[in-house]
């Protein structure tokens, strides 16, 4: 069983939990279902999950959609350690915006 950890700022804020609070019940439910599968060691595939190796080796993206839009949760699988959910955002463009990429890479260095 893998442990799932949310990224926390240096002041201890859980940015993923904060993001989820503003999401619909459907998105929260879908997120928890996907995390439960990851904890059990399941390999998730498209359309739910997509690798983002072009951003960072091992980076993955959970993909959810509701009436208000598309949501992305980026996580990193660290073998024998944990699954780190390091960023979440509401998707507005086709590509991962540079601002989001920089933030993700900064957070990866911190874990």
PDB file of N, CA and C in Angstrom:
ATOM      1  N   UNK A   1       0.853  -1.186   0.000  1.00  0.00           N
ATOM      2  CA  UNK A   1       0.000   0.000   0.000  1.00  0.00           C
ATOM      3  C   UNK A   1       0.894   1.242   0.000  1.00  0.00           C
ATOM      4  N   UNK A   2       0.706   2.092  -0.994  1.00  0.00           N
ATOM      5  CA  UNK A   2       1.482   3.333  -1.075  1.00  0.00           C
ATOM      6  C   UNK A   2       0.796   4.421  -0.254  1.00  0.00           C
ATOM      7  N   UNK A   3       1.605   5.246   0.354  1.00  0.00           N
ATOM      8  CA  UNK A   3       1.063   6.386   1.085  1.00  0.00           C
ATOM      9  C   UNK A   3       0.953   7.568   0.123  1.00  0.00           C
ATOM     10  N   UNK A   4      -0.162   8.285   0.208  1.00  0.00           N
ATOM     11  CA  UNK A   4      -0.351   9.485  -0.607  1.00  0.00           C
ATOM     12  C   UNK A   4      -0.147  10.696   0.288  1.00  0.00           C
ATOM     13  N   UNK A   5       0.719  11.581  -0.153  1.00  0.00           N
ATOM     14  CA  UNK A   5       0.995  12.805   0.605  1.00  0.00           C
ATOM     15  C   UNK A   5       0.691  14.014  -0.254  1.00  0.00           C
ATOM     16  N   UNK A   6       0.072  15.016   0.370  1.00  0.00           N
ATOM     17  CA  UNK A   6      -0.162  16.287  -0.318  1.00  0.00           C
ATOM     18  C   UNK A   6       1.019  17.199  -0.070  1.00  0.00           C
ATOM     19  N   UNK A   7       1.369  17.971  -1.077  1.00  0.00           N
ATOM     20  CA  UNK A   7       2.421  18.976  -0.925  1.00  0.00           C
ATOM     21  C   UNK A   7       1.986  19.987   0.123  1.00  0.00           C
ATOM     22  N   UNK A   8       2.941  20.342   1.003  1.00  0.00           N
ATOM     23  CA  UNK A   8       2.686  21.371   1.994  1.00  0.00           C
ATOM     24  C   UNK A   8       3.720  22.474   1.848  1.00  0.00           C
ATOM     25  N   UNK A   9       3.257  23.701   2.021  1.00  0.00           N
ATOM     26  CA  UNK A   9       4.174  24.836   1.957  1.00  0.00           C
ATOM     27  C   UNK A   9       5.076  24.812   3.189  1.00  0.00           C
ATOM     28  N   UNK A  10       6.098  25.653   3.197  1.00  0.00           N
ATOM     29  CA  UNK A  10       7.014  25.707   4.347  1.00  0.00           C
ATOM     30  C   UNK A  10       6.270  26.111   5.620  1.00  0.00           C
ATOM     31  N   UNK A  11       5.145  26.803   5.481  1.00  0.00           N
ATOM     32  CA  UNK A  11       4.360  27.183   6.664  1.00  0.00           C
ATOM     33  C   UNK A  11       3.338  26.115   7.042  1.00  0.00           C
ATOM     34  N   UNK A  12       3.327  24.988   6.291  1.00  0.00           N
ATOM     35  CA  UNK A  12       2.465  23.867   6.646  1.00  0.00           C
ATOM     36  C   UNK A  12       1.093  23.846   5.986  1.00  0.00           C
ATOM     37  N   UNK A  13       0.839  24.752   5.044  1.00  0.00           N
ATOM     38  CA  UNK A  13      -0.442  24.750   4.340  1.00  0.00           C
ATOM     39  C   UNK A  13      -0.523  23.584   3.362  1.00  0.00           C
ATOM     40  N   UNK A  14      -1.635  22.861   3.400  1.00  0.00           N
ATOM     41  CA  UNK A  14      -1.885  21.765   2.465  1.00  0.00           C
ATOM     42  C   UNK A  14      -2.596  22.359   1.249  1.00  0.00           C
ATOM     43  N   UNK A  15      -1.823  22.668   0.211  1.00  0.00           N
ATOM     44  CA  UNK A  15      -2.383  23.372  -0.952  1.00  0.00           C
ATOM     45  C   UNK A  15      -3.391  22.529  -1.725  1.00  0.00           C
ATOM     46  N   UNK A  16      -3.252  21.213  -1.685  1.00  0.00           N
ATOM     47  CA  UNK A  16      -4.182  20.339  -2.406  1.00  0.00           C
ATOM     48  C   UNK A  16      -5.533  20.316  -1.682  1.00  0.00           C
ATOM     49  N   UNK A  17      -5.509  20.166  -0.366  1.00  0.00           N
ATOM     50  CA  UNK A  17      -6.757  20.176   0.413  1.00  0.00           C
ATOM     51  C   UNK A  17      -7.473  21.513   0.245  1.00  0.00           C
ATOM     52  N   UNK A  18      -6.705  22.604   0.239  1.00  0.00           N
ATOM     53  CA  UNK A  18      -7.308  23.929   0.047  1.00  0.00           C
ATOM     54  C   UNK A  18      -7.969  24.025  -1.325  1.00  0.00           C
ATOM     55  N   UNK A  19      -7.299  23.507  -2.349  1.00  0.00           N
ATOM     56  CA  UNK A  19      -7.860  23.532  -3.705  1.00  0.00           C
ATOM     57  C   UNK A  19      -9.139  22.694  -3.764  1.00  0.00           C
ATOM     58  N   UNK A  20      -9.109  21.507  -3.148  1.00  0.00           N
ATOM     59  CA  UNK A  20     -10.267  20.612  -3.179  1.00  0.00           C
ATOM     60  C   UNK A  20     -11.494  21.233  -2.519  1.00  0.00           C
ATOM     61  N   UNK A  21     -11.283  22.048  -1.488  1.00  0.00           N
ATOM     62  CA  UNK A  21     -12.414  22.693  -0.799  1.00  0.00           C
ATOM     63  C   UNK A  21     -13.240  23.550  -1.748  1.00  0.00           C
ATOM     64  N   UNK A  22     -12.585  24.106  -2.758  1.00  0.00           N
ATOM     65  CA  UNK A  22     -13.278  24.970  -3.713  1.00  0.00           C
ATOM     66  C   UNK A  22     -13.833  24.212  -4.915  1.00  0.00           C
ATOM     67  N   UNK A  23     -13.596  22.913  -4.975  1.00  0.00           N
ATOM     68  CA  UNK A  23     -14.089  22.101  -6.091  1.00  0.00           C
ATOM     69  C   UNK A  23     -15.486  21.562  -5.774  1.00  0.00           C
ATOM     70  N   UNK A  24     -16.170  21.135  -6.818  1.00  0.00           N
ATOM     71  CA  UNK A  24     -17.498  20.528  -6.649  1.00  0.00           C
ATOM     72  C   UNK A  24     -17.367  19.184  -5.929  1.00  0.00           C
ATOM     73  N   UNK A  25     -18.482  18.718  -5.383  1.00  0.00           N
ATOM     74  CA  UNK A  25     -18.499  17.405  -4.725  1.00  0.00           C
ATOM     75  C   UNK A  25     -18.101  16.309  -5.709  1.00  0.00           C
ATOM     76  N   UNK A  26     -18.509  16.447  -6.974  1.00  0.00           N
ATOM     77  CA  UNK A  26     -18.153  15.444  -7.994  1.00  0.00           C
ATOM     78  C   UNK A  26     -16.638  15.356  -8.169  1.00  0.00           C
ATOM     79  N   UNK A  27     -15.974  16.502  -8.264  1.00  0.00           N
ATOM     80  CA  UNK A  27     -14.521  16.507  -8.444  1.00  0.00           C
ATOM     81  C   UNK A  27     -13.840  15.920  -7.206  1.00  0.00           C
ATOM     82  N   UNK A  28     -14.276  16.316  -6.017  1.00  0.00           N
ATOM     83  CA  UNK A  28     -13.684  15.767  -4.777  1.00  0.00           C
ATOM     84  C   UNK A  28     -13.849  14.258  -4.723  1.00  0.00           C
ATOM     85  N   UNK A  29     -15.032  13.792  -5.080  1.00  0.00           N
ATOM     86  CA  UNK A  29     -15.311  12.357  -5.065  1.00  0.00           C
ATOM     87  C   UNK A  29     -14.444  11.609  -6.085  1.00  0.00           C
ATOM     88  N   UNK A  30     -14.357  12.142  -7.306  1.00  0.00           N
ATOM     89  CA  UNK A  30     -13.522  11.520  -8.342  1.00  0.00           C
ATOM     90  C   UNK A  30     -12.059  11.484  -7.913  1.00  0.00           C
ATOM     91  N   UNK A  31     -11.591  12.577  -7.310  1.00  0.00           N
ATOM     92  CA  UNK A  31     -10.206  12.655  -6.827  1.00  0.00           C
ATOM     93  C   UNK A  31      -9.955  11.573  -5.771  1.00  0.00           C
ATOM     94  N   UNK A  32     -10.836  11.474  -4.787  1.00  0.00           N
ATOM     95  CA  UNK A  32     -10.645  10.484  -3.723  1.00  0.00           C
ATOM     96  C   UNK A  32     -10.687   9.058  -4.261  1.00  0.00           C
ATOM     97  N   UNK A  33     -11.559   8.796  -5.241  1.00  0.00           N
ATOM     98  CA  UNK A  33     -11.616   7.464  -5.864  1.00  0.00           C
ATOM     99  C   UNK A  33     -10.292   7.144  -6.563  1.00  0.00           C
ATOM    100  N   UNK A  34      -9.754   8.105  -7.316  1.00  0.00           N
ATOM    101  CA  UNK A  34      -8.495   7.885  -8.037  1.00  0.00           C
ATOM    102  C   UNK A  34      -7.341   7.688  -7.053  1.00  0.00           C
ATOM    103  N   UNK A  35      -7.296   8.490  -5.993  1.00  0.00           N
ATOM    104  CA  UNK A  35      -6.236   8.371  -4.989  1.00  0.00           C
ATOM    105  C   UNK A  35      -6.302   7.008  -4.316  1.00  0.00           C
ATOM    106  N   UNK A  36      -7.511   6.537  -4.046  1.00  0.00           N
ATOM    107  CA  UNK A  36      -7.689   5.218  -3.437  1.00  0.00           C
ATOM    108  C   UNK A  36      -7.100   4.122  -4.332  1.00  0.00           C
ATOM    109  N   UNK A  37      -7.327   4.223  -5.634  1.00  0.00           N
ATOM    110  CA  UNK A  37      -6.758   3.251  -6.580  1.00  0.00           C
ATOM    111  C   UNK A  37      -5.232   3.328  -6.587  1.00  0.00           C
ATOM    112  N   UNK A  38      -4.688   4.538  -6.576  1.00  0.00           N
ATOM    113  CA  UNK A  38      -3.226   4.706  -6.563  1.00  0.00           C
ATOM    114  C   UNK A  38      -2.621   4.099  -5.297  1.00  0.00           C
ATOM    115  N   UNK A  39      -3.294   4.323  -4.164  1.00  0.00           N
ATOM    116  CA  UNK A  39      -2.800   3.768  -2.904  1.00  0.00           C
ATOM    117  C   UNK A  39      -2.713   2.246  -2.953  1.00  0.00           C
ATOM    118  N   UNK A  40      -3.636   1.632  -3.675  1.00  0.00           N
ATOM    119  CA  UNK A  40      -3.662   0.168  -3.806  1.00  0.00           C
ATOM    120  C   UNK A  40      -2.655  -0.337  -4.827  1.00  0.00           C
ATOM    121  N   UNK A  41      -1.953   0.611  -5.493  1.00  0.00           N
ATOM    122  CA  UNK A  41      -0.945   0.210  -6.468  1.00  0.00           C
ATOM    123  C   UNK A  41      -1.456   0.064  -7.882  1.00  0.00           C
ATOM    124  N   UNK A  42      -2.683   0.479  -8.144  1.00  0.00           N
ATOM    125  CA  UNK A  42      -3.242   0.386  -9.495  1.00  0.00           C
ATOM    126  C   UNK A  42      -2.509   1.345 -10.436  1.00  0.00           C
ATOM    127  N   UNK A  43      -2.369   0.932 -11.664  1.00  0.00           N
ATOM    128  CA  UNK A  43      -1.804   1.784 -12.711  1.00  0.00           C
ATOM    129  C   UNK A  43      -2.980   2.418 -13.438  1.00  0.00           C
ATOM    130  N   UNK A  44      -3.075   3.736 -13.359  1.00  0.00           N
ATOM    131  CA  UNK A  44      -4.182   4.435 -13.995  1.00  0.00           C
ATOM    132  C   UNK A  44      -3.773   4.873 -15.402  1.00  0.00           C
ATOM    133  N   UNK A  45      -4.719   4.797 -16.323  1.00  0.00           N
ATOM    134  CA  UNK A  45      -4.436   5.114 -17.726  1.00  0.00           C
ATOM    135  C   UNK A  45      -5.371   6.215 -18.220  1.00  0.00           C
ATOM    136  N   UNK A  46      -5.140   6.662 -19.455  1.00  0.00           N
ATOM    137  CA  UNK A  46      -6.010   7.647 -20.105  1.00  0.00           C
ATOM    138  C   UNK A  46      -7.421   7.095 -20.137  1.00  0.00           C
ATOM    139  N   UNK A  47      -8.441   7.908 -20.028  1.00  0.00           N
ATOM    140  CA  UNK A  47      -8.397   9.362 -19.978  1.00  0.00           C
ATOM    141  C   UNK A  47      -8.225   9.936 -18.560  1.00  0.00           C
ATOM    142  N   UNK A  48      -8.216   9.061 -17.546  1.00  0.00           N
ATOM    143  CA  UNK A  48      -8.114   9.528 -16.157  1.00  0.00           C
ATOM    144  C   UNK A  48      -6.719  10.030 -15.806  1.00  0.00           C
ATOM    145  N   UNK A  49      -5.712   9.376 -16.343  1.00  0.00           N
ATOM    146  CA  UNK A  49      -4.331   9.666 -15.958  1.00  0.00           C
ATOM    147  C   UNK A  49      -3.460   9.814 -17.200  1.00  0.00           C
ATOM    148  N   UNK A  50      -2.531  10.766 -17.144  1.00  0.00           N
ATOM    149  CA  UNK A  50      -1.628  10.963 -18.282  1.00  0.00           C
ATOM    150  C   UNK A  50      -0.227  11.252 -17.759  1.00  0.00           C
ATOM    151  N   UNK A  51       0.789  10.578 -18.301  1.00  0.00           N
ATOM    152  CA  UNK A  51       2.164  10.895 -17.901  1.00  0.00           C
ATOM    153  C   UNK A  51       2.598  12.248 -18.445  1.00  0.00           C
ATOM    154  N   UNK A  52       3.385  12.972 -17.670  1.00  0.00           N
ATOM    155  CA  UNK A  52       3.930  14.264 -18.101  1.00  0.00           C
ATOM    156  C   UNK A  52       5.460  14.212 -18.074  1.00  0.00           C
ATOM    157  N   UNK A  53       6.005  13.167 -18.693  1.00  0.00           N
ATOM    158  CA  UNK A  53       7.461  12.991 -18.700  1.00  0.00           C
ATOM    159  C   UNK A  53       8.183  14.120 -19.428  1.00  0.00           C
ATOM    160  N   UNK A  54       7.460  14.838 -20.298  1.00  0.00           N
ATOM    161  CA  UNK A  54       8.067  15.964 -21.001  1.00  0.00           C
ATOM    162  C   UNK A  54       8.324  17.137 -20.041  1.00  0.00           C
ATOM    163  N   UNK A  55       7.656  17.135 -18.887  1.00  0.00           N
ATOM    164  CA  UNK A  55       7.875  18.171 -17.874  1.00  0.00           C
ATOM    165  C   UNK A  55       8.909  17.689 -16.849  1.00  0.00           C
ATOM    166  N   UNK A  56       8.711  16.444 -16.360  1.00  0.00           N
ATOM    167  CA  UNK A  56       9.624  15.864 -15.366  1.00  0.00           C
ATOM    168  C   UNK A  56       9.405  14.360 -15.360  1.00  0.00           C
ATOM    169  N   UNK A  57      10.485  13.581 -15.367  1.00  0.00           N
ATOM    170  CA  UNK A  57      10.376  12.120 -15.395  1.00  0.00           C
ATOM    171  C   UNK A  57       9.586  11.626 -14.182  1.00  0.00           C
ATOM    172  N   UNK A  58       8.531  10.861 -14.463  1.00  0.00           N
ATOM    173  CA  UNK A  58       7.719  10.296 -13.390  1.00  0.00           C
ATOM    174  C   UNK A  58       6.524  11.145 -12.993  1.00  0.00           C
ATOM    175  N   UNK A  59       6.429  12.364 -13.528  1.00  0.00           N
ATOM    176  CA  UNK A  59       5.298  13.236 -13.208  1.00  0.00           C
ATOM    177  C   UNK A  59       4.053  12.726 -13.932  1.00  0.00           C
ATOM    178  N   UNK A  60       2.934  12.688 -13.220  1.00  0.00           N
ATOM    179  CA  UNK A  60       1.668  12.208 -13.770  1.00  0.00           C
ATOM    180  C   UNK A  60       0.587  13.256 -13.538  1.00  0.00           C
ATOM    181  N   UNK A  61      -0.473  13.164 -14.331  1.00  0.00           N
ATOM    182  CA  UNK A  61      -1.574  14.116 -14.233  1.00  0.00           C
ATOM    183  C   UNK A  61      -2.882  13.351 -14.108  1.00  0.00           C
ATOM    184  N   UNK A  62      -3.623  13.605 -13.019  1.00  0.00           N
ATOM    185  CA  UNK A  62      -4.988  13.095 -12.887  1.00  0.00           C
ATOM    186  C   UNK A  62      -5.902  14.115 -13.546  1.00  0.00           C
ATOM    187  N   UNK A  63      -6.862  13.627 -14.329  1.00  0.00           N
ATOM    188  CA  UNK A  63      -7.698  14.505 -15.146  1.00  0.00           C
ATOM    189  C   UNK A  63      -9.169  14.300 -14.784  1.00  0.00           C
ATOM    190  N   UNK A  64      -9.827  15.386 -14.377  1.00  0.00           N
ATOM    191  CA  UNK A  64     -11.242  15.323 -14.012  1.00  0.00           C
ATOM    192  C   UNK A  64     -11.996  16.451 -14.691  1.00  0.00           C
ATOM    193  N   UNK A  65     -13.312  16.231 -14.869  1.00  0.00           N
ATOM    194  CA  UNK A  65     -14.132  17.233 -15.536  1.00  0.00           C
ATOM    195  C   UNK A  65     -15.504  17.261 -14.874  1.00  0.00           C
ATOM    196  N   UNK A  66     -16.034  18.474 -14.714  1.00  0.00           N
ATOM    197  CA  UNK A  66     -17.428  18.633 -14.315  1.00  0.00           C
ATOM    198  C   UNK A  66     -18.018  19.776 -15.129  1.00  0.00           C
ATOM    199  N   UNK A  67     -19.223  20.207 -14.779  1.00  0.00           N
ATOM    200  CA  UNK A  67     -19.875  21.259 -15.562  1.00  0.00           C
ATOM    201  C   UNK A  67     -19.097  22.561 -15.580  1.00  0.00           C
ATOM    202  N   UNK A  68     -18.326  22.822 -14.524  1.00  0.00           N
ATOM    203  CA  UNK A  68     -17.618  24.105 -14.444  1.00  0.00           C
ATOM    204  C   UNK A  68     -16.264  24.091 -15.162  1.00  0.00           C
ATOM    205  N   UNK A  69     -15.797  22.930 -15.576  1.00  0.00           N
ATOM    206  CA  UNK A  69     -14.529  22.896 -16.312  1.00  0.00           C
ATOM    207  C   UNK A  69     -13.711  21.644 -16.061  1.00  0.00           C
ATOM    208  N   UNK A  70     -12.428  21.738 -16.439  1.00  0.00           N
ATOM    209  CA  UNK A  70     -11.493  20.622 -16.305  1.00  0.00           C
ATOM    210  C   UNK A  70     -10.503  20.919 -15.189  1.00  0.00           C
ATOM    211  N   UNK A  71     -10.173  19.893 -14.440  1.00  0.00           N
ATOM    212  CA  UNK A  71      -9.259  20.036 -13.312  1.00  0.00           C
ATOM    213  C   UNK A  71      -8.107  19.060 -13.462  1.00  0.00           C
ATOM    214  N   UNK A  72      -6.938  19.511 -13.038  1.00  0.00           N
ATOM    215  CA  UNK A  72      -5.738  18.676 -13.114  1.00  0.00           C
ATOM    216  C   UNK A  72      -5.057  18.623 -11.753  1.00  0.00           C
ATOM    217  N   UNK A  73      -4.650  17.419 -11.379  1.00  0.00           N
ATOM    218  CA  UNK A  73      -3.884  17.198 -10.155  1.00  0.00           C
ATOM    219  C   UNK A  73      -2.590  16.518 -10.574  1.00  0.00           C
ATOM    220  N   UNK A  74      -1.467  17.157 -10.306  1.00  0.00           N
ATOM    221  CA  UNK A  74      -0.175  16.617 -10.720  1.00  0.00           C
ATOM    222  C   UNK A  74       0.471  15.907  -9.547  1.00  0.00           C
ATOM    223  N   UNK A  75       0.962  14.696  -9.823  1.00  0.00           N
ATOM    224  CA  UNK A  75       1.584  13.922  -8.755  1.00  0.00           C
ATOM    225  C   UNK A  75       2.835  13.217  -9.251  1.00  0.00           C
ATOM    226  N   UNK A  76       3.647  12.861  -8.296  1.00  0.00           N
ATOM    227  CA  UNK A  76       4.915  12.208  -8.566  1.00  0.00           C
ATOM    228  C   UNK A  76       4.959  10.930  -7.748  1.00  0.00           C
ATOM    229  N   UNK A  77       5.273   9.846  -8.413  1.00  0.00           N
ATOM    230  CA  UNK A  77       5.408   8.558  -7.750  1.00  0.00           C
ATOM    231  C   UNK A  77       6.858   8.392  -7.339  1.00  0.00           C
ATOM    232  N   UNK A  78       7.104   8.343  -6.041  1.00  0.00           N
ATOM    233  CA  UNK A  78       8.472   8.105  -5.587  1.00  0.00           C
ATOM    234  C   UNK A  78       8.501   6.686  -5.033  1.00  0.00           C
ATOM    235  N   UNK A  79       9.142   5.802  -5.755  1.00  0.00           N
ATOM    236  CA  UNK A  79       9.136   4.390  -5.405  1.00  0.00           C
ATOM    237  C   UNK A  79       9.619   4.166  -3.969  1.00  0.00           C
ATOM    238  N   UNK A  80       8.954   3.212  -3.327  1.00  0.00           N
ATOM    239  CA  UNK A  80       9.276   2.814  -1.948  1.00  0.00           C
ATOM    240  C   UNK A  80       9.110   3.954  -0.956  1.00  0.00           C
ATOM    241  N   UNK A  81       8.565   5.053  -1.383  1.00  0.00           N
ATOM    242  CA  UNK A  81       8.389   6.181  -0.486  1.00  0.00           C
ATOM    243  C   UNK A  81       6.910   6.531  -0.427  1.00  0.00           C
ATOM    244  N   UNK A  82       6.438   7.269  -1.403  1.00  0.00           N
ATOM    245  CA  UNK A  82       5.046   7.708  -1.396  1.00  0.00           C
ATOM    246  C   UNK A  82       4.666   8.278  -2.753  1.00  0.00           C
ATOM    247  N   UNK A  83       3.393   8.592  -2.854  1.00  0.00           N
ATOM    248  CA  UNK A  83       2.869   9.320  -4.005  1.00  0.00           C
ATOM    249  C   UNK A  83       2.669  10.745  -3.508  1.00  0.00           C
ATOM    250  N   UNK A  84       3.305  11.693  -4.166  1.00  0.00           N
ATOM    251  CA  UNK A  84       3.198  13.090  -3.761  1.00  0.00           C
ATOM    252  C   UNK A  84       2.297  13.839  -4.727  1.00  0.00           C
ATOM    253  N   UNK A  85       1.157  14.306  -4.244  1.00  0.00           N
ATOM    254  CA  UNK A  85       0.292  15.169  -5.049  1.00  0.00           C
ATOM    255  C   UNK A  85       0.824  16.577  -4.817  1.00  0.00           C
ATOM    256  N   UNK A  86       1.398  17.178  -5.859  1.00  0.00           N
ATOM    257  CA  UNK A  86       2.155  18.415  -5.647  1.00  0.00           C
ATOM    258  C   UNK A  86       1.498  19.673  -6.198  1.00  0.00           C
ATOM    259  N   UNK A  87       0.485  19.510  -7.057  1.00  0.00           N
ATOM    260  CA  UNK A  87      -0.139  20.721  -7.597  1.00  0.00           C
ATOM    261  C   UNK A  87      -1.517  20.382  -8.146  1.00  0.00           C
ATOM    262  N   UNK A  88      -2.426  21.350  -8.073  1.00  0.00           N
ATOM    263  CA  UNK A  88      -3.761  21.196  -8.644  1.00  0.00           C
ATOM    264  C   UNK A  88      -4.182  22.546  -9.219  1.00  0.00           C
ATOM    265  N   UNK A  89      -4.877  22.497 -10.340  1.00  0.00           N
ATOM    266  CA  UNK A  89      -5.348  23.736 -10.950  1.00  0.00           C
ATOM    267  C   UNK A  89      -6.514  23.446 -11.883  1.00  0.00           C
ATOM    268  N   UNK A  90      -7.267  24.499 -12.168  1.00  0.00           N
ATOM    269  CA  UNK A  90      -8.346  24.396 -13.141  1.00  0.00           C
ATOM    270  C   UNK A  90      -7.745  24.692 -14.507  1.00  0.00           C
ATOM    271  N   UNK A  91      -7.943  23.777 -15.412  1.00  0.00           N
ATOM    272  CA  UNK A  91      -7.324  23.879 -16.732  1.00  0.00           C
ATOM    273  C   UNK A  91      -8.074  24.869 -17.617  1.00  0.00           C
ATOM    274  N   UNK A  92      -7.315  25.769 -18.236  1.00  0.00           N
ATOM    275  CA  UNK A  92      -7.925  26.767 -19.112  1.00  0.00           C
ATOM    276  C   UNK A  92      -7.354  26.726 -20.523  1.00  0.00           C
ATOM    277  N   UNK A  93      -6.195  26.082 -20.687  1.00  0.00           N
ATOM    278  CA  UNK A  93      -5.545  26.035 -21.996  1.00  0.00           C
ATOM    279  C   UNK A  93      -5.184  24.594 -22.345  1.00  0.00           C
ATOM    280  N   UNK A  94      -4.832  24.367 -23.602  1.00  0.00           N
ATOM    281  CA  UNK A  94      -4.454  23.032 -24.062  1.00  0.00           C
ATOM    282  C   UNK A  94      -3.140  22.573 -23.427  1.00  0.00           C
ATOM    283  N   UNK A  95      -2.159  23.456 -23.428  1.00  0.00           N
ATOM    284  CA  UNK A  95      -0.836  23.131 -22.883  1.00  0.00           C
ATOM    285  C   UNK A  95      -0.779  23.448 -21.386  1.00  0.00           C
ATOM    286  N   UNK A  96       0.154  22.794 -20.698  1.00  0.00           N
ATOM    287  CA  UNK A  96       0.413  23.137 -19.302  1.00  0.00           C
ATOM    288  C   UNK A  96       1.113  24.501 -19.301  1.00  0.00           C
ATOM    289  N   UNK A  97       0.487  25.520 -18.699  1.00  0.00           N
ATOM    290  CA  UNK A  97       1.099  26.859 -18.718  1.00  0.00           C
ATOM    291  C   UNK A  97       2.475  26.887 -18.040  1.00  0.00           C
ATOM    292  N   UNK A  98       3.362  27.737 -18.554  1.00  0.00           N
ATOM    293  CA  UNK A  98       4.720  27.849 -18.004  1.00  0.00           C
ATOM    294  C   UNK A  98       4.705  28.148 -16.512  1.00  0.00           C
ATOM    295  N   UNK A  99       3.772  28.998 -16.085  1.00  0.00           N
ATOM    296  CA  UNK A  99       3.669  29.344 -14.663  1.00  0.00           C
ATOM    297  C   UNK A  99       3.442  28.083 -13.820  1.00  0.00           C
ATOM    298  N   UNK A 100       2.553  27.206 -14.311  1.00  0.00           N
ATOM    299  CA  UNK A 100       2.251  25.962 -13.588  1.00  0.00           C
ATOM    300  C   UNK A 100       3.476  25.036 -13.606  1.00  0.00           C
ATOM    301  N   UNK A 101       4.156  24.955 -14.761  1.00  0.00           N
ATOM    302  CA  UNK A 101       5.360  24.114 -14.875  1.00  0.00           C
ATOM    303  C   UNK A 101       6.430  24.548 -13.883  1.00  0.00           C
ATOM    304  N   UNK A 102       6.681  25.853 -13.820  1.00  0.00           N
ATOM    305  CA  UNK A 102       7.713  26.364 -12.897  1.00  0.00           C
ATOM    306  C   UNK A 102       7.367  26.031 -11.452  1.00  0.00           C
ATOM    307  N   UNK A 103       6.109  26.189 -11.098  1.00  0.00           N
ATOM    308  CA  UNK A 103       5.675  25.895  -9.731  1.00  0.00           C
ATOM    309  C   UNK A 103       5.851  24.412  -9.407  1.00  0.00           C
ATOM    310  N   UNK A 104       5.471  23.552 -10.337  1.00  0.00           N
ATOM    311  CA  UNK A 104       5.607  22.105 -10.145  1.00  0.00           C
ATOM    312  C   UNK A 104       7.078  21.725  -9.964  1.00  0.00           C
ATOM    313  N   UNK A 105       7.941  22.235 -10.819  1.00  0.00           N
ATOM    314  CA  UNK A 105       9.374  21.899 -10.733  1.00  0.00           C
ATOM    315  C   UNK A 105       9.973  22.407  -9.425  1.00  0.00           C
ATOM    316  N   UNK A 106       9.546  23.562  -8.967  1.00  0.00           N
ATOM    317  CA  UNK A 106      10.014  24.102  -7.684  1.00  0.00           C
ATOM    318  C   UNK A 106       9.590  23.182  -6.533  1.00  0.00           C
ATOM    319  N   UNK A 107       8.343  22.747  -6.561  1.00  0.00           N
ATOM    320  CA  UNK A 107       7.832  21.879  -5.502  1.00  0.00           C
ATOM    321  C   UNK A 107       8.493  20.510  -5.519  1.00  0.00           C
ATOM    322  N   UNK A 108       8.800  19.986  -6.698  1.00  0.00           N
ATOM    323  CA  UNK A 108       9.473  18.680  -6.801  1.00  0.00           C
ATOM    324  C   UNK A 108      10.823  18.750  -6.092  1.00  0.00           C
ATOM    325  N   UNK A 109      11.539  19.855  -6.253  1.00  0.00           N
ATOM    326  CA  UNK A 109      12.838  20.007  -5.593  1.00  0.00           C
ATOM    327  C   UNK A 109      12.702  20.007  -4.076  1.00  0.00           C
ATOM    328  N   UNK A 110      11.556  20.456  -3.583  1.00  0.00           N
ATOM    329  CA  UNK A 110      11.345  20.570  -2.140  1.00  0.00           C
ATOM    330  C   UNK A 110      10.967  19.242  -1.469  1.00  0.00           C
ATOM    331  N   UNK A 111      10.495  18.275  -2.235  1.00  0.00           N
ATOM    332  CA  UNK A 111      10.076  17.015  -1.597  1.00  0.00           C
ATOM    333  C   UNK A 111      11.173  15.975  -1.591  1.00  0.00           C
TER     334      UNK A 111
END
